[in-house]
C-alpha atoms as a PDB file:
ATOM      1  CA  MET A   1     268.491 161.833  34.950  1.00  0.00           C
ATOM      2  CA  ALA A   2     269.055 161.977  38.687  1.00  0.00           C
ATOM      3  CA  LYS A   3     269.820 158.812  40.610  1.00  0.00           C
ATOM      4  CA  PRO A   4     267.208 157.773  43.143  1.00  0.00           C
ATOM      5  CA  ASP A   5     268.269 158.426  46.726  1.00  0.00           C
ATOM      6  CA  PHE A   6     267.850 154.889  48.061  1.00  0.00           C
ATOM      7  CA  GLU A   7     269.803 155.558  51.242  1.00  0.00           C
ATOM      8  CA  GLY A   8     267.684 158.614  52.017  1.00  0.00           C
ATOM      9  CA  ALA A   9     264.493 156.707  51.308  1.00  0.00           C
ATOM     10  CA  LEU A  10     265.616 153.809  53.507  1.00  0.00           C
ATOM     11  CA  ALA A  11     266.501 156.232  56.305  1.00  0.00           C
ATOM     12  CA  LYS A  12     262.968 157.678  56.155  1.00  0.00           C
ATOM     13  CA  ILE A  13     261.424 154.200  56.240  1.00  0.00           C
ATOM     14  CA  ARG A  14     263.658 153.255  59.165  1.00  0.00           C
ATOM     15  CA  THR A  15     262.645 156.417  61.052  1.00  0.00           C
ATOM     16  CA  ARG A  16     258.953 155.686  60.483  1.00  0.00           C
ATOM     17  CA  PHE A  17     259.532 152.094  61.597  1.00  0.00           C
ATOM     18  CA  LEU A  18     261.148 153.264  64.847  1.00  0.00           C
ATOM     19  CA  ASP A  19     258.378 155.795  65.479  1.00  0.00           C
ATOM     20  CA  ARG A  20     255.776 153.058  65.095  1.00  0.00           C
ATOM     21  CA  LEU A  21     257.904 150.646  67.138  1.00  0.00           C
ATOM     22  CA  ARG A  22     257.722 153.045  70.106  1.00  0.00           C
ATOM     23  CA  GLU A  23     253.933 152.732  70.057  1.00  0.00           C
ATOM     24  CA  GLN A  24     254.023 148.991  69.439  1.00  0.00           C
ATOM     25  CA  SER A  25     256.519 148.455  72.240  1.00  0.00           C
ATOM     26  CA  ALA A  26     254.175 150.148  74.723  1.00  0.00           C
ATOM     27  CA  GLU A  27     251.303 147.973  73.468  1.00  0.00           C
ATOM     28  CA  LEU A  28     253.440 144.833  73.721  1.00  0.00           C
ATOM     29  CA  ARG A  29     254.439 145.677  77.303  1.00  0.00           C
ATOM     30  CA  GLN A  30     250.782 146.109  78.300  1.00  0.00           C
ATOM     31  CA  LEU A  31     249.766 142.871  76.576  1.00  0.00           C
ATOM     32  CA  LEU A  32     252.607 140.975  78.247  1.00  0.00           C
ATOM     33  CA  GLU A  33     251.537 142.285  81.659  1.00  0.00           C
ATOM     34  CA  GLN A  34     247.948 141.200  80.958  1.00  0.00           C
ATOM     35  CA  ALA A  35     249.100 137.753  79.874  1.00  0.00           C
ATOM     36  CA  GLU A  36     251.193 137.363  83.021  1.00  0.00           C
ATOM     37  CA  SER A  37     248.335 138.476  85.267  1.00  0.00           C
ATOM     38  CA  GLY A  38     245.883 136.058  83.679  1.00  0.00           C
ATOM     39  CA  ALA A  39     243.326 138.750  82.791  1.00  0.00           C
ATOM     40  CA  GLY A  40     242.231 137.971  79.248  1.00  0.00           C
ATOM     41  CA  ARG A  41     245.354 135.861  78.811  1.00  0.00           C
ATOM     42  CA  ARG A  42     244.428 134.249  75.490  1.00  0.00           C
ATOM     43  CA  ASP A  43     243.258 137.516  73.902  1.00  0.00           C
ATOM     44  CA  SER A  44     246.341 139.365  75.147  1.00  0.00           C
ATOM     45  CA  ILE A  45     248.672 136.736  73.743  1.00  0.00           C
ATOM     46  CA  LYS A  46     246.812 136.677  70.436  1.00  0.00           C
ATOM     47  CA  ALA A  47     247.061 140.498  70.153  1.00  0.00           C
ATOM     48  CA  PHE A  48     250.779 140.329  71.019  1.00  0.00           C
ATOM     49  CA  GLY A  49     251.267 137.810  68.209  1.00  0.00           C
ATOM     50  CA  ALA A  50     249.525 140.072  65.701  1.00  0.00           C
ATOM     51  CA  ILE A  51     251.853 142.962  66.550  1.00  0.00           C
ATOM     52  CA  ALA A  52     254.916 140.692  66.541  1.00  0.00           C
ATOM     53  CA  HIS A  53     253.888 139.480  63.076  1.00  0.00           C
ATOM     54  CA  LYS A  54     253.859 143.061  61.763  1.00  0.00           C
ATOM     55  CA  ILE A  55     257.241 143.807  63.321  1.00  0.00           C
ATOM     56  CA  ALA A  56     258.749 140.598  61.915  1.00  0.00           C
ATOM     57  CA  GLY A  57     257.579 141.559  58.451  1.00  0.00           C
ATOM     58  CA  LEU A  58     259.640 144.741  58.274  1.00  0.00           C
ATOM     59  CA  ALA A  59     262.350 144.711  60.953  1.00  0.00           C
ATOM     60  CA  LYS A  60     264.977 142.781  58.999  1.00  0.00           C
ATOM     61  CA  SER A  61     264.431 144.937  55.903  1.00  0.00           C
ATOM     62  CA  VAL A  62     265.282 148.114  57.798  1.00  0.00           C
ATOM     63  CA  GLY A  63     268.344 146.746  59.577  1.00  0.00           C
ATOM     64  CA  PHE A  64     266.993 145.107  62.732  1.00  0.00           C
ATOM     65  CA  ALA A  65     267.774 141.444  62.140  1.00  0.00           C
ATOM     66  CA  GLU A  66     267.718 140.386  65.808  1.00  0.00           C
ATOM     67  CA  LEU A  67     264.408 142.135  66.393  1.00  0.00           C
ATOM     68  CA  GLY A  68     262.966 140.569  63.249  1.00  0.00           C
ATOM     69  CA  GLN A  69     264.038 137.100  64.366  1.00  0.00           C
ATOM     70  CA  ALA A  70     262.710 137.562  67.911  1.00  0.00           C
ATOM     71  CA  ALA A  71     259.377 138.874  66.590  1.00  0.00           C
ATOM     72  CA  LEU A  72     259.113 135.958  64.163  1.00  0.00           C
ATOM     73  CA  GLU A  73     259.822 133.452  66.943  1.00  0.00           C
ATOM     74  CA  ALA A  74     257.190 135.064  69.181  1.00  0.00           C
ATOM     75  CA  ASP A  75     254.650 135.056  66.350  1.00  0.00           C
ATOM     76  CA  GLN A  76     255.287 131.399  65.478  1.00  0.00           C
ATOM     77  CA  THR A  77     255.298 130.249  69.110  1.00  0.00           C
ATOM     78  CA  ILE A  78     252.033 132.062  69.775  1.00  0.00           C
ATOM     79  CA  ILE A  79     250.419 130.565  66.667  1.00  0.00           C
ATOM     80  CA  ARG A  80     251.394 127.079  67.842  1.00  0.00           C
ATOM     81  CA  TRP A  81     250.185 127.792  71.397  1.00  0.00           C
ATOM     82  CA  LEU A  82     246.822 129.091  70.159  1.00  0.00           C
ATOM     83  CA  GLY A  83     246.357 126.192  67.751  1.00  0.00           C
ATOM     84  CA  ASP A  84     246.398 122.468  68.053  1.00  0.00           C
ATOM     85  CA  GLU A  85     249.770 121.794  66.462  1.00  0.00           C
ATOM     86  CA  GLU A  86     252.039 119.387  68.262  1.00  0.00           C
ATOM     87  CA  PRO A  87     254.253 119.836  70.062  1.00  0.00           C
ATOM     88  CA  GLN A  88     252.397 122.711  71.629  1.00  0.00           C
ATOM     89  CA  PRO A  89     254.695 125.137  73.463  1.00  0.00           C
ATOM     90  CA  SER A  90     254.228 125.632  77.176  1.00  0.00           C
ATOM     91  CA  PHE A  91     252.860 128.860  78.578  1.00  0.00           C
ATOM     92  CA  SER A  92     256.322 129.622  79.999  1.00  0.00           C
ATOM     93  CA  ASP A  93     257.807 129.202  76.488  1.00  0.00           C
ATOM     94  CA  VAL A  94     255.235 131.665  75.151  1.00  0.00           C
ATOM     95  CA  LEU A  95     256.071 134.181  77.879  1.00  0.00           C
ATOM     96  CA  TRP A  96     259.793 133.789  77.209  1.00  0.00           C
ATOM     97  CA  THR A  97     259.393 134.551  73.491  1.00  0.00           C
ATOM     98  CA  MET A  98     257.142 137.519  74.303  1.00  0.00           C
ATOM     99  CA  LYS A  99     259.710 138.908  76.759  1.00  0.00           C
ATOM    100  CA  ASN A 100     262.532 138.338  74.281  1.00  0.00           C
ATOM    101  CA  CYS A 101     260.613 140.135  71.542  1.00  0.00           C
ATOM    102  CA  LEU A 102     259.943 143.090  73.837  1.00  0.00           C
ATOM    103  CA  ALA A 103     263.597 143.211  74.908  1.00  0.00           C
ATOM    104  CA  ARG A 104     264.724 143.307  71.269  1.00  0.00           C
ATOM    105  CA  CYS A 105     262.211 146.153  70.642  1.00  0.00           C
ATOM    106  CA  GLU A 106     263.765 148.083  73.496  1.00  0.00           C
ATOM    107  CA  ASP A 107     267.267 147.374  72.148  1.00  0.00           C
ATOM    108  CA  ALA A 108     266.280 148.746  68.736  1.00  0.00           C
ATOM    109  CA  LEU A 109     264.733 151.846  70.284  1.00  0.00           C
ATOM    110  CA  SER A 110     267.830 152.503  72.426  1.00  0.00           C
ATOM    111  CA  GLY A 111     270.133 152.180  69.444  1.00  0.00           C
ATOM    112  CA  ASN A 112     271.565 148.834  70.501  1.00  0.00           C
ATOM    113  CA  GLY A 113     269.678 146.678  68.058  1.00  0.00           C
END
């Protein structure tokens, strides 16, 4: 019986992750710009958090620990900012975690993450 090719399978999953991350990164950049401009700020931040949540769920499993952590922090900060949990993060804290998440996406896509 042949051994399963786990490394090959993981490489395929990682490639699909990076392909999707390219699309998500473009979406995140647009949402960040909208949040900074004030146009639909709350909706933009909420949509950013939803994408960050998806990234956080898989990034660490495919070898992007820093990206996974940054996405998780953005997701959790956004959830607290949208809700009524105390202490509620400031808008500048939310923007910082969004920018950090996007920077880690770009690092992963450039091969530095």
